Amino acid sequence: MHRRWLLTGLLVLLAGTCYADLPPKVDPVTGRIRTLFIGDPFLRPGYPTTALLEDPKIHLSRIEAEIGYKNPAVGLENMQRFLRLLLPRTESTLIDNYDMLIITAIRSNDLKREFQLWAKKAVEEHGFGLLMSDDPTSFGGSITVWTTGPPWDDTRSGRSYPSFRTSTLPTGTTTSGSSLPSRTR
């Protein structure tokens, strides 16, 4: 399921760059799309990571930073360590070394505020591609043990991200598809 949605989103995103004000951003030497995948870029069935790694037009860098469902406390500690060690440490490192950002299974307060602002600038001013994909828990649509921060659309960088909050539901409930966004753009 993850694979189908992520690949669909990636294709839409890549096709959408043809219509942007800026030319698509790629590695000037190799012509490959240098992609930073943060969240759940796992090498197992149901995830698009293998397909992205095999694509000759994509150079993929992975940061496995999903909390995980078996033990959220251990998962949170690992996620914070991976993000601290592997995220670009400066805006110029992000902009000079990557062309696209994929964010999955990450809550808004998991990424440093400064990184979010760099990503916003990269998308708006430097032609970065951006794909956010996952479930409502990651993007603040429901309250669970994994949701501790504000929804992405409430962050300073949220306007650049293709997310908006639908109604907040109690844990264990589902929508019938009839919920309306709490705000529109």
Protein backbone atom coordinates (compact mmCIF):
# COMPACT_ATOMS: atom_id res chain seq x y z
CA MET A 1 0.00 0.00 0.00
CA HIS A 2 2.81 2.44 0.93
CA ARG A 3 4.60 1.62 -2.32
CA ARG A 4 1.65 2.41 -4.56
CA TRP A 5 0.89 5.77 -2.92
CA LEU A 6 4.49 6.85 -2.70
CA LEU A 7 5.25 5.94 -6.32
CA THR A 8 2.09 7.69 -7.48
CA GLY A 9 3.01 10.76 -5.46
CA LEU A 10 6.58 10.67 -6.78
CA LEU A 11 5.39 10.51 -10.38
CA VAL A 12 2.96 13.38 -9.83
CA LEU A 13 5.68 15.39 -8.14
CA LEU A 14 8.22 14.75 -10.87
CA ALA A 15 5.66 15.56 -13.57
CA GLY A 16 4.69 18.73 -11.69
CA THR A 17 8.22 20.08 -11.83
CA CYS A 18 7.75 20.61 -15.56
CA TYR A 19 5.21 23.32 -14.75
CA ALA A 20 7.08 25.08 -11.96
CA ASP A 21 8.62 28.52 -12.35
CA LEU A 22 12.06 27.03 -11.75
CA PRO A 23 13.64 24.30 -13.86
CA PRO A 24 13.76 20.88 -12.23
CA LYS A 25 16.72 20.56 -9.89
CA VAL A 26 19.09 17.68 -10.60
CA ASP A 27 22.74 16.89 -10.02
CA PRO A 28 24.61 19.03 -12.58
CA VAL A 29 27.25 16.32 -13.10
CA THR A 30 25.19 13.12 -13.31
CA GLY A 31 21.73 14.44 -14.16
CA ARG A 32 20.28 12.25 -11.38
CA ILE A 33 17.71 13.46 -8.84
CA ARG A 34 19.53 13.54 -5.50
CA THR A 35 16.75 12.53 -3.14
CA LEU A 36 16.74 12.69 0.66
CA PHE A 37 14.15 10.24 2.03
CA ILE A 38 13.36 10.85 5.70
CA GLY A 39 10.99 8.64 7.65
CA ASP A 40 10.34 5.04 6.67
CA PRO A 41 12.54 4.25 3.63
CA PHE A 42 12.66 0.59 4.62
CA LEU A 43 14.03 -2.13 2.36
CA ARG A 44 11.11 -4.51 2.74
CA PRO A 45 7.88 -5.37 0.93
CA GLY A 46 5.27 -2.64 0.86
CA TYR A 47 7.73 0.26 0.73
CA PRO A 48 8.94 2.02 -2.44
CA THR A 49 12.57 2.24 -1.36
CA THR A 50 13.84 -0.62 -3.49
CA ALA A 51 12.21 0.82 -6.62
CA LEU A 52 13.71 4.24 -5.88
CA LEU A 53 17.16 2.72 -5.33
CA GLU A 54 16.94 0.82 -8.63
CA ASP A 55 15.84 3.84 -10.67
CA PRO A 56 18.87 5.05 -12.67
CA LYS A 57 17.59 8.65 -12.58
CA ILE A 58 17.47 8.78 -8.76
CA HIS A 59 20.28 8.86 -6.22
CA LEU A 60 18.63 8.02 -2.89
CA SER A 61 19.90 8.91 0.58
CA ARG A 62 17.86 7.32 3.37
CA ILE A 63 17.28 8.38 6.97
CA GLU A 64 15.25 5.71 8.76
CA ALA A 65 13.48 7.86 11.32
CA GLU A 66 10.09 6.33 11.98
CA ILE A 67 9.21 5.80 15.62
CA GLY A 68 7.97 2.26 15.10
CA TYR A 69 4.99 0.53 16.65
CA LYS A 70 6.40 -2.14 18.98
CA ASN A 71 8.15 0.14 21.45
CA PRO A 72 7.59 3.86 20.82
CA ALA A 73 10.12 4.93 23.48
CA VAL A 74 13.00 3.02 21.87
CA GLY A 75 11.82 4.10 18.44
CA LEU A 76 11.77 7.76 19.46
CA GLU A 77 15.30 7.54 20.85
CA ASN A 78 16.59 5.90 17.65
CA MET A 79 14.74 8.38 15.45
CA GLN A 80 16.17 11.37 17.29
CA ARG A 81 19.68 9.92 17.04
CA PHE A 82 19.38 9.20 13.29
CA LEU A 83 18.04 12.68 12.61
CA ARG A 84 20.75 14.31 14.71
CA LEU A 85 23.50 12.37 12.93
CA LEU A 86 22.21 12.24 9.36
CA LEU A 87 20.18 15.37 8.59
CA PRO A 88 22.05 18.07 6.69
CA ARG A 89 23.52 20.46 9.27
CA THR A 90 23.43 23.60 7.17
CA GLU A 91 21.08 25.10 4.62
CA SER A 92 23.80 25.10 1.98
CA THR A 93 24.46 21.38 2.56
CA LEU A 94 20.79 20.64 1.93
CA ILE A 95 20.53 22.84 -1.16
CA ASP A 96 23.89 21.89 -2.69
CA ASN A 97 23.61 18.13 -2.16
CA TYR A 98 19.93 17.30 -2.72
CA ASP A 99 17.24 18.01 -5.29
CA MET A 100 14.22 16.40 -3.70
CA LEU A 101 12.91 15.71 -0.23
CA ILE A 102 10.59 12.84 0.69
CA ILE A 103 9.06 13.02 4.16
CA THR A 104 7.07 10.05 5.47
CA ALA A 105 6.07 8.98 8.98
CA ILE A 106 7.52 12.12 10.56
CA ARG A 107 5.67 14.42 12.92
CA SER A 108 6.20 18.16 12.67
CA ASN A 109 8.19 18.38 15.88
CA ASP A 110 10.53 15.53 14.89
CA LEU A 111 12.45 17.74 12.45
CA LYS A 112 14.36 20.71 13.77
CA ARG A 113 12.65 24.02 13.09
CA GLU A 114 15.70 25.31 11.23
CA PHE A 115 15.67 22.26 8.93
CA GLN A 116 11.98 22.84 8.20
CA LEU A 117 12.74 26.45 7.24
CA TRP A 118 15.65 25.36 5.02
CA ALA A 119 13.36 22.83 3.32
CA LYS A 120 10.70 25.50 2.80
CA LYS A 121 13.26 27.79 1.19
CA ALA A 122 14.64 24.94 -0.93
CA VAL A 123 11.16 24.20 -2.30
CA GLU A 124 10.09 27.80 -2.82
CA GLU A 125 13.33 29.34 -4.06
CA HIS A 126 15.56 26.57 -5.40
CA GLY A 127 13.24 24.23 -7.32
CA PHE A 128 13.33 21.38 -4.81
CA GLY A 129 10.84 18.59 -5.27
CA LEU A 130 8.83 17.67 -2.18
CA LEU A 131 6.71 14.62 -1.44
CA MET A 132 4.96 14.04 1.87
CA SER A 133 3.23 10.72 2.21
CA ASP A 134 1.83 8.61 5.02
CA ASP A 135 -1.09 8.46 7.38
CA PRO A 136 -2.92 11.05 9.49
CA THR A 137 -0.86 10.17 12.57
CA SER A 138 2.29 11.48 10.94
CA PHE A 139 0.71 14.72 9.87
CA GLY A 140 -1.30 15.52 12.99
CA GLY A 141 -4.72 14.34 11.88
CA SER A 142 -5.35 12.12 14.88
CA ILE A 143 -4.17 11.98 18.47
CA THR A 144 -2.20 8.85 19.40
CA VAL A 145 0.90 7.98 21.38
CA TRP A 146 2.92 8.92 18.27
CA THR A 147 1.32 12.34 17.77
CA THR A 148 2.84 14.87 20.15
CA GLY A 149 3.35 18.00 18.11
CA PRO A 150 1.35 20.42 16.07
CA PRO A 151 -0.02 19.40 12.65
CA TRP A 152 2.27 20.26 9.76
CA ASP A 153 -0.04 22.98 8.50
CA ASP A 154 0.37 24.81 11.82
CA THR A 155 4.15 25.06 11.49
CA ARG A 156 6.05 28.03 10.07
CA SER A 157 7.07 25.93 7.08
CA GLY A 158 3.66 24.27 6.70
CA ARG A 159 2.47 26.45 3.83
CA SER A 160 5.12 24.88 1.58
CA TYR A 161 4.07 21.38 2.49
CA PRO A 162 1.17 19.69 0.71
CA SER A 163 -0.69 18.88 3.90
CA PHE A 164 -3.77 20.11 5.63
CA ARG A 165 -5.53 18.83 8.67
CA THR A 166 -8.84 17.08 8.51
CA SER A 167 -10.98 16.76 11.59
CA THR A 168 -9.22 15.31 14.63
CA LEU A 169 -10.68 11.96 15.62
CA PRO A 170 -10.39 10.00 18.84
CA THR A 171 -7.99 7.05 18.72
CA GLY A 172 -9.56 3.97 17.17
CA THR A 173 -12.12 5.76 15.01
CA THR A 174 -12.10 6.04 11.24
CA THR A 175 -13.60 8.44 8.76
CA SER A 176 -16.07 7.57 6.06
CA GLY A 177 -14.39 10.02 3.73
CA SER A 178 -16.91 12.74 4.50
CA SER A 179 -14.79 14.83 6.87
CA LEU A 180 -13.95 18.33 5.73
CA PRO A 181 -10.61 20.10 6.20
CA SER A 182 -10.47 22.37 9.23
CA ARG A 183 -8.97 25.04 7.01
CA THR A 184 -8.54 25.49 3.32
CA ARG A 185 -5.82 27.20 1.38
